[in-house]
Amino acid sequence: MNLLWTFNDLVEATGGRPFGQTVAGVSGISIDSRTLRPGDAFFAIRGDQFDGHDFATAAIKAGAALLVVAEGKLPALGRLTVPMIVVPDVLAALEKAGAAARARTRAKIIAVTGSAGKTSTKEALRHVLSAVGKVHAADKSFNNHWGVPLTLARTPEDCDYAVFEIGMNHPGEIRPLAKLVRPHIAIITVIAEAHLGFFKNMDEIARAKAEIFEGIEPGGYAILNRDDPRSKLLGKLARDAGVAHVVGFGENPRAHFRLLACTLHGDNSAIVAKIGGNEISARIGAPGRHVVQNTLAVLGAAYIAGANLDKVTPALATLTAERGRGKRHLLPHPEGVIALIDESYNANPTSMRAALELLGATPINGSGRRIAVLGDMLELGEHSAEFHAGLAEVVIRTGTDMIFLAGPEMSALADALPAGFPVEHRATTEELSGLLTDAVRPGDAIMIKSSMRMGFSRLVDALVNHFPAQARTKRV
């Protein structure tokens, strides 16, 4: 077993005290008994809905090497024979372990935030940097008050690069996480309308994202989107926070990491970019103009981190989209193939427009149609109707042939579409499922997107399951 933490080091890192038996160490950190691997330390965090202490027995059955538990819960757990570390507060202990892991690593630390594209950018960094070294990065979208310290605590001492995603939906949430991560390089992908219902305006969103600057290490870098209207504000906020180097990416002539040329295809993109004074050409395996934009930040971060771009750049060709973030399926039909684009993870007006552009660039076959399946964009507050109706322009411009809508907010888009446009609007996600399955036909390209709470991943699963076991993930 490769030890991530020795027992004594973890006791010291958490500030806890050992209880019962001891163990040489642990190979991983877990807060979920369902995904725990043998040899992990199980931190029994108390969340909003569940208390990890209630799953201590399940964690032991799954192979936990030790438990980290709260002092107040010890009387109920003391009869368990597995080694334990007892602490006043388990989440605070996880944060301490994260801080200790950050202190001992020599890795180049990169943090990513923004209103859209955080996870895809993090995964792209993981992918390309793996061509030049050992990379540690967050699982899934572990970007909140427990996900960030968990990812930090899992950081191997000997990794070369570590990539963290930091999210928020209210002011003040990024600051403590950024100070915990202490990145050498911080990327802000884009400022968009996500969570606008919790803010007065877009500038407030930018200021909340700018909290990441407060954690950047002395001599570090902020990488900003120079094509974003709020890049000037972000640049000022970065300098005010004492960031030593503020650089930009995009098509803007003043961008340090600049896009010179771009050709978009249905399943990939070809770019020419200027990175570090050198002109490079690359093929990006994941399609979409928004992917191209964030790839500039990825290449810029790799360059700043000292990675060999001659090895990093070719790795872009094998980059693929993740589930819910542009992952593509070819669904077999007795008379042909249906292309499915899974954008179901989340949505805001900016990412919705990008997904519709992606659908517009996707080829169709024969008599196939481009079909958009869209659900409510949530947390937009008083601006909701305006932003939903505003999607009508991009729906028409990108050549969408038919649209399925679900949720009360999407009624604004249904009303804004031209008379006679083929649209089906239902109140709930469930009402769309059978309707959609019956409507698709060979040659169609379908894109599915909504805010996460709408549960549109169920529509993706319904389509994939409807077209039997041959259904497989491929490029289209």
Protein backbone atom coordinates (compact mmCIF):
# COMPACT_ATOMS: atom_id res chain seq x y z
CA MET A 1 0.00 0.00 0.00
CA ASN A 2 1.33 3.43 -0.96
CA LEU A 3 0.88 5.64 2.08
CA LEU A 4 -0.64 9.07 1.58
CA TRP A 5 -0.36 9.81 5.31
CA THR A 6 1.37 7.97 8.11
CA PHE A 7 -0.77 7.61 11.20
CA ASN A 8 1.42 9.92 13.25
CA ASP A 9 1.54 12.56 10.51
CA LEU A 10 -2.25 12.55 10.19
CA VAL A 11 -2.67 12.85 13.96
CA GLU A 12 -0.34 15.85 13.93
CA ALA A 13 -1.97 17.38 10.84
CA THR A 14 -5.51 17.18 12.23
CA GLY A 15 -4.55 18.23 15.74
CA GLY A 16 -6.43 15.21 17.06
CA ARG A 17 -5.61 12.46 19.50
CA PRO A 18 -5.30 8.75 18.75
CA PHE A 19 -7.86 6.42 20.24
CA GLY A 20 -7.66 2.64 20.41
CA GLN A 21 -5.45 0.75 18.00
CA THR A 22 -2.92 2.34 15.67
CA VAL A 23 -2.12 1.67 12.03
CA ALA A 24 0.93 2.36 9.86
CA GLY A 25 -0.96 4.89 7.77
CA VAL A 26 -3.63 5.43 5.13
CA SER A 27 -3.60 5.35 1.34
CA GLY A 28 -6.40 7.87 0.85
CA ILE A 29 -8.98 10.19 2.39
CA SER A 30 -12.75 9.70 2.16
CA ILE A 31 -15.88 11.39 3.46
CA ASP A 32 -18.32 8.99 1.75
CA SER A 33 -18.61 5.34 2.79
CA ARG A 34 -20.11 4.49 -0.63
CA THR A 35 -16.96 5.45 -2.54
CA LEU A 36 -14.41 4.66 0.17
CA ARG A 37 -11.56 2.42 -0.90
CA PRO A 38 -9.78 -0.07 1.39
CA GLY A 39 -6.99 1.67 3.25
CA ASP A 40 -8.69 5.10 3.32
CA ALA A 41 -9.15 7.28 6.38
CA PHE A 42 -12.84 8.05 6.82
CA PHE A 43 -13.58 11.60 8.02
CA ALA A 44 -17.06 11.50 9.57
CA ILE A 45 -18.18 14.97 8.49
CA ARG A 46 -21.54 16.26 9.59
CA GLY A 47 -23.30 17.86 6.62
CA ASP A 48 -26.62 19.61 6.07
CA GLN A 49 -28.48 16.35 5.48
CA PHE A 50 -26.29 13.54 6.80
CA ASP A 51 -23.91 12.93 9.68
CA GLY A 52 -20.89 10.86 8.69
CA HIS A 53 -20.80 9.28 12.14
CA ASP A 54 -23.99 7.42 11.22
CA PHE A 55 -22.01 5.65 8.49
CA ALA A 56 -18.98 4.68 10.54
CA THR A 57 -19.89 0.98 10.50
CA ALA A 58 -20.43 1.10 6.73
CA ALA A 59 -17.02 2.74 6.33
CA ILE A 60 -15.37 -0.04 8.36
CA LYS A 61 -17.11 -2.70 6.24
CA ALA A 62 -15.82 -0.92 3.12
CA GLY A 63 -12.26 -1.23 4.42
CA ALA A 64 -11.51 2.04 6.21
CA ALA A 65 -8.10 1.92 7.85
CA LEU A 66 -9.11 4.47 10.47
CA LEU A 67 -11.88 6.89 11.40
CA VAL A 68 -11.60 10.58 12.18
CA VAL A 69 -14.48 11.35 14.53
CA ALA A 70 -15.78 14.15 16.74
CA GLU A 71 -15.14 14.06 20.47
CA GLY A 72 -18.85 14.39 21.19
CA LYS A 73 -19.62 11.26 19.15
CA LEU A 74 -16.94 9.08 20.74
CA PRO A 75 -19.17 7.54 23.47
CA ALA A 76 -21.40 6.05 20.77
CA LEU A 77 -18.44 4.83 18.69
CA GLY A 78 -15.95 3.79 21.37
CA ARG A 79 -16.90 0.12 21.12
CA LEU A 80 -15.66 0.01 17.48
CA THR A 81 -12.26 -1.65 17.20
CA VAL A 82 -10.92 0.27 14.19
CA PRO A 83 -8.19 2.88 14.89
CA MET A 84 -9.55 6.40 15.40
CA ILE A 85 -8.37 9.97 15.55
CA VAL A 86 -10.59 12.06 17.83
CA VAL A 87 -10.98 15.78 17.07
CA PRO A 88 -13.23 18.62 18.27
CA ASP A 89 -14.70 19.17 14.78
CA VAL A 90 -14.24 16.80 11.83
CA LEU A 91 -14.59 19.37 9.03
CA ALA A 92 -12.08 21.63 10.78
CA ALA A 93 -9.76 18.61 11.08
CA LEU A 94 -10.09 18.00 7.33
CA GLU A 95 -9.20 21.64 6.68
CA LYS A 96 -6.13 21.28 8.91
CA ALA A 97 -5.10 18.14 7.02
CA GLY A 98 -5.52 20.05 3.77
CA ALA A 99 -3.36 22.90 5.04
CA ALA A 100 -0.68 20.43 6.14
CA ALA A 101 -0.74 18.71 2.74
CA ARG A 102 -0.38 22.09 1.05
CA ALA A 103 2.56 22.97 3.28
CA ARG A 104 4.49 19.79 2.51
CA THR A 105 4.05 19.61 -1.26
CA ARG A 106 6.44 21.17 -3.74
CA ALA A 107 3.90 20.96 -6.57
CA LYS A 108 2.97 23.91 -8.73
CA ILE A 109 -0.51 24.79 -7.52
CA ILE A 110 -3.14 26.00 -10.01
CA ALA A 111 -6.63 27.12 -8.96
CA VAL A 112 -9.57 27.68 -11.30
CA THR A 113 -12.73 29.69 -10.73
CA GLY A 114 -15.26 31.45 -12.95
CA SER A 115 -18.96 31.40 -13.75
CA ALA A 116 -18.66 28.63 -16.36
CA GLY A 117 -16.06 26.16 -17.55
CA LYS A 118 -14.35 25.56 -14.19
CA THR A 119 -14.52 21.78 -14.21
CA SER A 120 -13.73 21.43 -17.90
CA THR A 121 -10.70 23.71 -17.51
CA LYS A 122 -9.55 21.79 -14.43
CA GLU A 123 -9.88 18.51 -16.32
CA ALA A 124 -8.02 19.92 -19.32
CA LEU A 125 -5.17 20.96 -17.03
CA ARG A 126 -5.13 17.50 -15.48
CA HIS A 127 -5.03 15.92 -18.92
CA VAL A 128 -2.29 17.96 -20.57
CA LEU A 129 -0.03 18.28 -17.53
CA SER A 130 -0.09 14.50 -17.16
CA ALA A 131 2.06 14.46 -20.29
CA VAL A 132 4.91 16.10 -18.36
CA GLY A 133 4.55 15.04 -14.73
CA LYS A 134 2.49 13.62 -11.88
CA VAL A 135 -0.77 15.53 -11.52
CA HIS A 136 -3.25 15.65 -8.65
CA ALA A 137 -6.64 17.27 -9.28
CA ALA A 138 -10.08 17.48 -7.74
CA ASP A 139 -12.60 14.72 -8.39
CA LYS A 140 -15.78 15.80 -10.16
CA SER A 141 -16.77 19.32 -9.08
CA PHE A 142 -15.31 19.20 -5.58
CA ASN A 143 -15.13 22.98 -5.32
CA ASN A 144 -16.92 23.94 -2.09
CA HIS A 145 -16.18 24.20 1.64
CA TRP A 146 -15.66 20.44 1.99
CA GLY A 147 -14.56 19.56 -1.55
CA VAL A 148 -11.55 21.87 -1.58
CA PRO A 149 -10.04 20.76 1.76
CA LEU A 150 -10.76 17.13 0.83
CA THR A 151 -8.86 17.55 -2.45
CA LEU A 152 -6.01 19.26 -0.61
CA ALA A 153 -5.80 16.53 2.02
CA ARG A 154 -5.54 13.96 -0.78
CA THR A 155 -2.57 15.73 -2.39
CA PRO A 156 0.40 13.33 -2.71
CA GLU A 157 3.61 14.75 -1.34
CA ASP A 158 5.51 13.90 -4.53
CA CYS A 159 3.18 15.29 -7.22
CA ASP A 160 4.49 17.85 -9.71
CA TYR A 161 1.25 19.73 -10.32
CA ALA A 162 -1.96 20.09 -8.32
CA VAL A 163 -5.12 21.59 -9.80
CA PHE A 164 -8.04 22.87 -7.71
CA GLU A 165 -11.49 24.13 -8.61
CA ILE A 166 -13.05 26.78 -6.39
CA GLY A 167 -16.73 27.69 -6.71
CA MET A 168 -19.28 29.88 -5.00
CA ASN A 169 -22.83 31.16 -5.18
CA HIS A 170 -22.55 33.85 -2.49
CA PRO A 171 -19.94 36.48 -1.62
CA GLY A 172 -17.25 35.45 0.85
CA GLU A 173 -17.17 31.76 -0.09
CA ILE A 174 -14.05 31.78 -2.28
CA ARG A 175 -11.79 33.77 0.07
CA PRO A 176 -11.17 31.13 2.77
CA LEU A 177 -10.76 28.38 0.20
CA ALA A 178 -8.25 30.38 -1.84
CA LYS A 179 -6.25 31.09 1.31
CA LEU A 180 -6.24 27.37 2.05
CA VAL A 181 -5.11 26.38 -1.46
CA ARG A 182 -2.55 29.21 -1.84
CA PRO A 183 -2.17 28.81 -5.62
CA HIS A 184 0.86 29.90 -7.58
CA ILE A 185 -1.45 30.46 -10.55
CA ALA A 186 -5.15 31.38 -10.48
CA ILE A 187 -7.44 31.33 -13.53
CA ILE A 188 -10.80 33.08 -13.86
CA THR A 189 -12.51 31.56 -16.91
CA VAL A 190 -15.38 34.02 -17.43
CA ILE A 191 -17.79 36.20 -15.49
CA ALA A 192 -21.34 35.22 -16.39
CA GLU A 193 -24.87 35.47 -15.05
CA ALA A 194 -24.68 32.33 -12.86
CA HIS A 195 -26.24 32.92 -9.41
CA LEU A 196 -27.17 36.48 -10.41
CA GLY A 197 -30.19 36.17 -8.15
CA PHE A 198 -27.81 36.38 -5.18
CA PHE A 199 -26.02 39.52 -6.42
CA LYS A 200 -26.98 43.08 -7.34
CA ASN A 201 -25.18 43.01 -10.69
CA MET A 202 -22.40 41.37 -12.71
CA ASP A 203 -19.71 43.53 -11.12
CA GLU A 204 -20.60 41.99 -7.75
CA ILE A 205 -20.13 38.53 -9.25
CA ALA A 206 -16.73 39.62 -10.54
CA ARG A 207 -15.75 40.89 -7.10
CA ALA A 208 -16.77 37.59 -5.52
CA LYS A 209 -14.68 35.64 -8.03
CA ALA A 210 -11.79 38.05 -7.42
CA GLU A 211 -11.55 36.79 -3.84
CA ILE A 212 -9.30 34.09 -5.31
CA PHE A 213 -6.57 36.72 -5.72
CA GLU A 214 -6.22 37.00 -1.95
CA GLY A 215 -4.83 33.48 -1.79
CA ILE A 216 -2.24 33.73 -4.58
CA GLU A 217 1.30 33.10 -3.39
CA PRO A 218 3.82 35.98 -3.45
CA GLY A 219 5.23 36.27 -6.96
CA GLY A 220 2.22 34.39 -8.35
CA TYR A 221 0.03 34.88 -11.41
CA ALA A 222 -3.58 35.76 -12.14
CA ILE A 223 -4.74 34.62 -15.60
CA LEU A 224 -7.79 36.58 -16.78
CA ASN A 225 -10.08 36.40 -19.80
CA ARG A 226 -9.19 39.52 -21.80
CA ASP A 227 -12.31 39.07 -23.95
CA ASP A 228 -14.51 39.34 -20.86
CA PRO A 229 -16.06 42.81 -20.40
CA ARG A 230 -15.00 42.73 -16.75
CA SER A 231 -11.34 41.92 -17.33
CA LYS A 232 -10.34 45.50 -16.56
CA LEU A 233 -12.15 45.38 -13.22
CA LEU A 234 -10.63 42.00 -12.42
CA GLY A 235 -7.17 43.25 -13.31
CA LYS A 236 -7.53 46.15 -10.91
CA LEU A 237 -8.80 43.87 -8.16
CA ALA A 238 -5.85 41.52 -8.72
CA ARG A 239 -3.34 44.33 -8.47
CA ASP A 240 -5.10 45.74 -5.41
CA ALA A 241 -4.75 42.29 -3.82
CA GLY A 242 -1.01 42.39 -4.43
CA VAL A 243 -0.82 39.86 -7.24
CA ALA A 244 2.62 40.18 -8.79
CA HIS A 245 1.73 39.18 -12.36
CA VAL A 246 -1.64 39.81 -14.04
CA VAL A 247 -1.86 38.29 -17.54
CA GLY A 248 -4.66 37.65 -20.00
CA PHE A 249 -5.92 35.13 -22.55
CA GLY A 250 -8.24 35.49 -25.52
CA GLU A 251 -8.49 37.10 -28.95
CA ASN A 252 -7.80 40.57 -27.57
CA PRO A 253 -4.60 41.94 -29.17
CA ARG A 254 -3.25 42.69 -25.68
CA ALA A 255 -3.72 39.12 -24.43
CA HIS A 256 -0.52 37.41 -23.35
CA PHE A 257 -1.93 34.04 -24.48
CA ARG A 258 -3.62 35.01 -27.72
CA LEU A 259 -5.80 33.16 -30.20
CA LEU A 260 -4.63 33.92 -33.74
CA ALA A 261 -6.84 31.55 -35.73
CA CYS A 262 -9.55 29.02 -35.01
CA THR A 263 -11.50 26.49 -37.06
CA LEU A 264 -14.45 24.82 -35.34
CA HIS A 265 -15.61 21.33 -36.30
CA GLY A 266 -18.39 19.15 -34.97
CA ASP A 267 -16.03 16.97 -32.95
CA ASN A 268 -12.87 19.05 -32.51
CA SER A 269 -11.26 22.44 -33.09
CA ALA A 270 -8.02 23.53 -34.74
CA ILE A 271 -6.25 26.57 -33.36
CA VAL A 272 -3.20 28.73 -33.86
CA ALA A 273 -2.17 30.63 -30.73
CA LYS A 274 0.69 32.73 -29.44
CA ILE A 275 1.91 31.40 -26.10
CA GLY A 276 4.99 32.82 -24.41
CA GLY A 277 6.05 34.60 -27.57
CA ASN A 278 5.88 31.42 -29.66
CA GLU A 279 3.26 30.57 -32.25
CA ILE A 280 1.80 27.10 -31.80
CA SER A 281 -0.75 25.02 -33.70
CA ALA A 282 -2.96 22.49 -31.96
CA ARG A 283 -5.99 20.30 -32.39
CA ILE A 284 -8.39 20.21 -29.44
CA GLY A 285 -10.27 16.93 -29.10
CA ALA A 286 -13.25 18.44 -27.25
CA PRO A 287 -15.36 20.69 -29.52
CA GLY A 288 -16.78 24.16 -28.92
CA ARG A 289 -15.69 27.79 -29.08
CA HIS A 290 -15.88 28.04 -25.29
CA VAL A 291 -13.46 25.11 -25.03
CA VAL A 292 -11.05 26.93 -27.34
CA GLN A 293 -11.20 30.00 -25.10
CA ASN A 294 -10.41 28.09 -21.94
CA THR A 295 -7.68 26.11 -23.69
CA LEU A 296 -5.76 29.37 -24.03
CA ALA A 297 -5.83 29.67 -20.24
CA VAL A 298 -4.71 26.04 -19.92
CA LEU A 299 -1.75 26.58 -22.23
CA GLY A 300 -0.92 29.82 -20.45
CA ALA A 301 -0.96 28.15 -17.04
CA ALA A 302 1.18 25.28 -18.33
CA TYR A 303 3.68 27.78 -19.74
CA ILE A 304 3.86 29.76 -16.49
CA ALA A 305 4.24 26.53 -14.51
CA GLY A 306 7.31 25.66 -16.58
CA ALA A 307 5.76 22.70 -18.40
CA ASN A 308 7.23 21.65 -21.75
CA LEU A 309 4.72 22.94 -24.31
CA ASP A 310 6.13 20.62 -26.97
CA LYS A 311 4.64 17.78 -24.89
CA VAL A 312 1.63 19.60 -23.48
CA THR A 313 0.24 20.86 -26.80
CA PRO A 314 -0.12 17.46 -28.55
CA ALA A 315 -2.04 16.15 -25.52
CA LEU A 316 -4.89 18.52 -26.39
CA ALA A 317 -5.78 16.26 -29.31
CA THR A 318 -6.93 13.50 -26.95
CA LEU A 319 -8.94 15.80 -24.69
CA THR A 320 -12.55 14.64 -24.35
CA ALA A 321 -15.65 16.17 -22.79
CA GLU A 322 -16.95 14.93 -19.42
CA ARG A 323 -20.42 13.60 -18.57
CA GLY A 324 -22.85 16.50 -18.40
CA ARG A 325 -20.29 18.87 -19.93
CA GLY A 326 -20.46 18.13 -23.63
CA LYS A 327 -19.93 14.37 -23.57
CA ARG A 328 -21.12 12.84 -26.84
CA HIS A 329 -22.89 9.61 -27.58
CA LEU A 330 -23.78 7.91 -30.84
CA LEU A 331 -27.10 6.18 -30.29
CA PRO A 332 -27.87 3.27 -32.65
CA HIS A 333 -31.21 3.29 -34.39
CA PRO A 334 -32.51 0.59 -36.75
CA GLU A 335 -32.33 3.12 -39.59
CA GLY A 336 -29.21 5.08 -38.64
CA VAL A 337 -27.54 6.95 -35.82
CA ILE A 338 -28.63 9.70 -33.42
CA ALA A 339 -26.00 12.09 -32.05
CA LEU A 340 -26.52 13.09 -28.40
CA ILE A 341 -24.63 15.93 -26.69
CA ASP A 342 -24.87 15.72 -22.90
CA GLU A 343 -24.63 19.25 -21.46
CA SER A 344 -26.94 18.40 -18.58
CA TYR A 345 -24.70 19.23 -15.62
CA ASN A 346 -25.70 22.89 -15.16
CA ALA A 347 -26.68 26.04 -17.02
CA ASN A 348 -26.54 29.81 -17.03
CA PRO A 349 -27.20 32.18 -19.94
CA THR A 350 -23.56 32.20 -21.08
CA SER A 351 -23.07 28.44 -20.96
CA MET A 352 -26.50 27.91 -22.55
CA ARG A 353 -25.53 30.09 -25.50
CA ALA A 354 -22.24 28.20 -25.83
CA ALA A 355 -24.08 24.86 -25.86
CA LEU A 356 -26.48 26.07 -28.56
CA GLU A 357 -23.48 27.22 -30.62
CA LEU A 358 -22.02 23.74 -30.17
CA LEU A 359 -25.26 22.17 -31.41
CA GLY A 360 -25.18 24.49 -34.40
CA ALA A 361 -21.68 23.26 -35.30
CA THR A 362 -22.67 19.59 -35.01
CA PRO A 363 -23.26 17.88 -38.37
CA ILE A 364 -26.56 16.14 -39.06
CA ASN A 365 -27.16 13.34 -41.52
CA GLY A 366 -29.83 12.86 -44.14
CA SER A 367 -33.12 14.35 -43.00
CA GLY A 368 -31.84 14.80 -39.45
CA ARG A 369 -32.63 17.84 -37.35
CA ARG A 370 -30.82 19.84 -34.69
CA ILE A 371 -32.92 19.51 -31.53
CA ALA A 372 -32.34 21.52 -28.36
CA VAL A 373 -33.73 20.19 -25.09
CA LEU A 374 -33.55 22.99 -22.53
CA GLY A 375 -34.60 23.32 -18.90
CA ASP A 376 -34.86 26.22 -16.49
CA MET A 377 -31.76 28.25 -15.65
CA LEU A 378 -32.10 28.80 -11.92
CA GLU A 379 -30.86 31.44 -9.47
CA LEU A 380 -31.27 34.35 -11.91
CA GLY A 381 -33.63 36.30 -9.65
CA GLU A 382 -35.57 39.17 -11.18
CA HIS A 383 -33.59 38.82 -14.42
CA SER A 384 -34.84 35.30 -15.12
CA ALA A 385 -37.55 36.04 -17.72
CA GLU A 386 -35.24 38.39 -19.64
CA PHE A 387 -32.41 35.87 -19.84
CA HIS A 388 -34.65 32.97 -20.82
CA ALA A 389 -36.36 34.99 -23.55
CA GLY A 390 -32.95 36.19 -24.74
CA LEU A 391 -32.04 32.67 -25.82
CA ALA A 392 -34.48 32.89 -28.73
CA GLU A 393 -31.98 34.80 -30.86
CA VAL A 394 -29.25 32.18 -30.55
CA VAL A 395 -31.73 29.33 -31.06
CA ILE A 396 -32.68 30.80 -34.44
CA ARG A 397 -29.17 31.92 -35.42
CA THR A 398 -27.58 28.53 -34.80
CA GLY A 399 -30.06 26.69 -37.00
CA THR A 400 -31.93 24.79 -34.29
CA ASP A 401 -34.85 23.01 -35.98
CA MET A 402 -36.89 21.97 -32.98
CA ILE A 403 -36.90 22.67 -29.26
CA PHE A 404 -38.18 20.87 -26.16
CA LEU A 405 -38.51 22.91 -22.96
CA ALA A 406 -39.22 22.07 -19.34
CA GLY A 407 -39.86 24.21 -16.28
CA PRO A 408 -41.84 27.38 -15.55
CA GLU A 409 -38.98 29.76 -16.37
CA MET A 410 -38.67 28.38 -19.89
CA SER A 411 -42.14 29.69 -20.73
CA ALA A 412 -40.41 33.03 -21.45
CA LEU A 413 -38.34 31.39 -24.19
CA ALA A 414 -41.37 29.57 -25.59
CA ASP A 415 -43.19 32.90 -25.87
CA ALA A 416 -40.18 34.64 -27.46
CA LEU A 417 -39.76 32.15 -30.33
CA PRO A 418 -41.28 33.06 -33.70
CA ALA A 419 -44.83 31.95 -34.42
CA GLY A 420 -44.84 28.49 -35.90
CA PHE A 421 -41.44 27.48 -34.54
CA PRO A 422 -41.58 23.78 -33.53
CA VAL A 423 -41.57 23.87 -29.72
CA GLU A 424 -42.87 21.57 -27.00
CA HIS A 425 -43.01 23.01 -23.48
CA ARG A 426 -43.86 20.99 -20.39
CA ALA A 427 -43.94 21.84 -16.70
CA THR A 428 -41.60 19.09 -15.54
CA THR A 429 -38.61 17.09 -16.70
CA GLU A 430 -40.53 13.81 -16.41
CA GLU A 431 -43.15 15.00 -18.90
CA LEU A 432 -40.48 15.46 -21.55
CA SER A 433 -38.91 12.02 -21.34
CA GLY A 434 -41.34 9.91 -23.36
CA LEU A 435 -42.12 12.81 -25.68
CA LEU A 436 -38.45 13.19 -26.56
CA THR A 437 -37.82 9.48 -27.04
CA ASP A 438 -40.74 9.24 -29.46
CA ALA A 439 -39.71 12.34 -31.41
CA VAL A 440 -36.08 11.60 -32.28
CA ARG A 441 -35.17 9.95 -35.53
CA PRO A 442 -31.98 8.82 -37.29
CA GLY A 443 -29.68 11.62 -38.36
CA ASP A 444 -30.78 13.94 -35.54
CA ALA A 445 -28.34 15.83 -33.33
CA ILE A 446 -29.74 16.46 -29.83
CA MET A 447 -28.33 18.73 -27.14
CA ILE A 448 -29.65 18.51 -23.56
CA LYS A 449 -28.99 21.28 -21.02
CA SER A 450 -30.48 22.78 -17.85
CA SER A 451 -29.64 23.80 -14.33
CA MET A 452 -28.68 20.79 -12.22
CA ARG A 453 -31.79 20.80 -10.03
CA MET A 454 -33.94 20.19 -13.10
CA GLY A 455 -32.47 16.70 -13.31
CA PHE A 456 -31.93 16.67 -17.06
CA SER A 457 -29.30 13.94 -16.71
CA ARG A 458 -32.33 11.63 -16.47
CA LEU A 459 -33.28 12.59 -20.01
CA VAL A 460 -29.79 11.68 -21.19
CA ASP A 461 -30.00 8.33 -19.43
CA ALA A 462 -33.47 7.69 -20.83
CA LEU A 463 -32.26 8.17 -24.39
CA VAL A 464 -29.11 6.11 -23.92
CA ASN A 465 -31.09 3.30 -22.29
CA HIS A 466 -33.84 3.40 -24.89
CA PHE A 467 -31.35 2.56 -27.60
CA PRO A 468 -29.96 -0.69 -26.28
CA ALA A 469 -26.57 -1.96 -25.21
CA GLN A 470 -24.76 -0.98 -28.40
CA ALA A 471 -25.05 2.67 -27.31
CA ARG A 472 -21.53 3.85 -26.65
CA THR A 473 -19.60 7.02 -26.18
CA LYS A 474 -17.84 8.21 -29.31
CA ARG A 475 -16.95 11.35 -31.15
CA VAL A 476 -19.47 12.58 -33.67
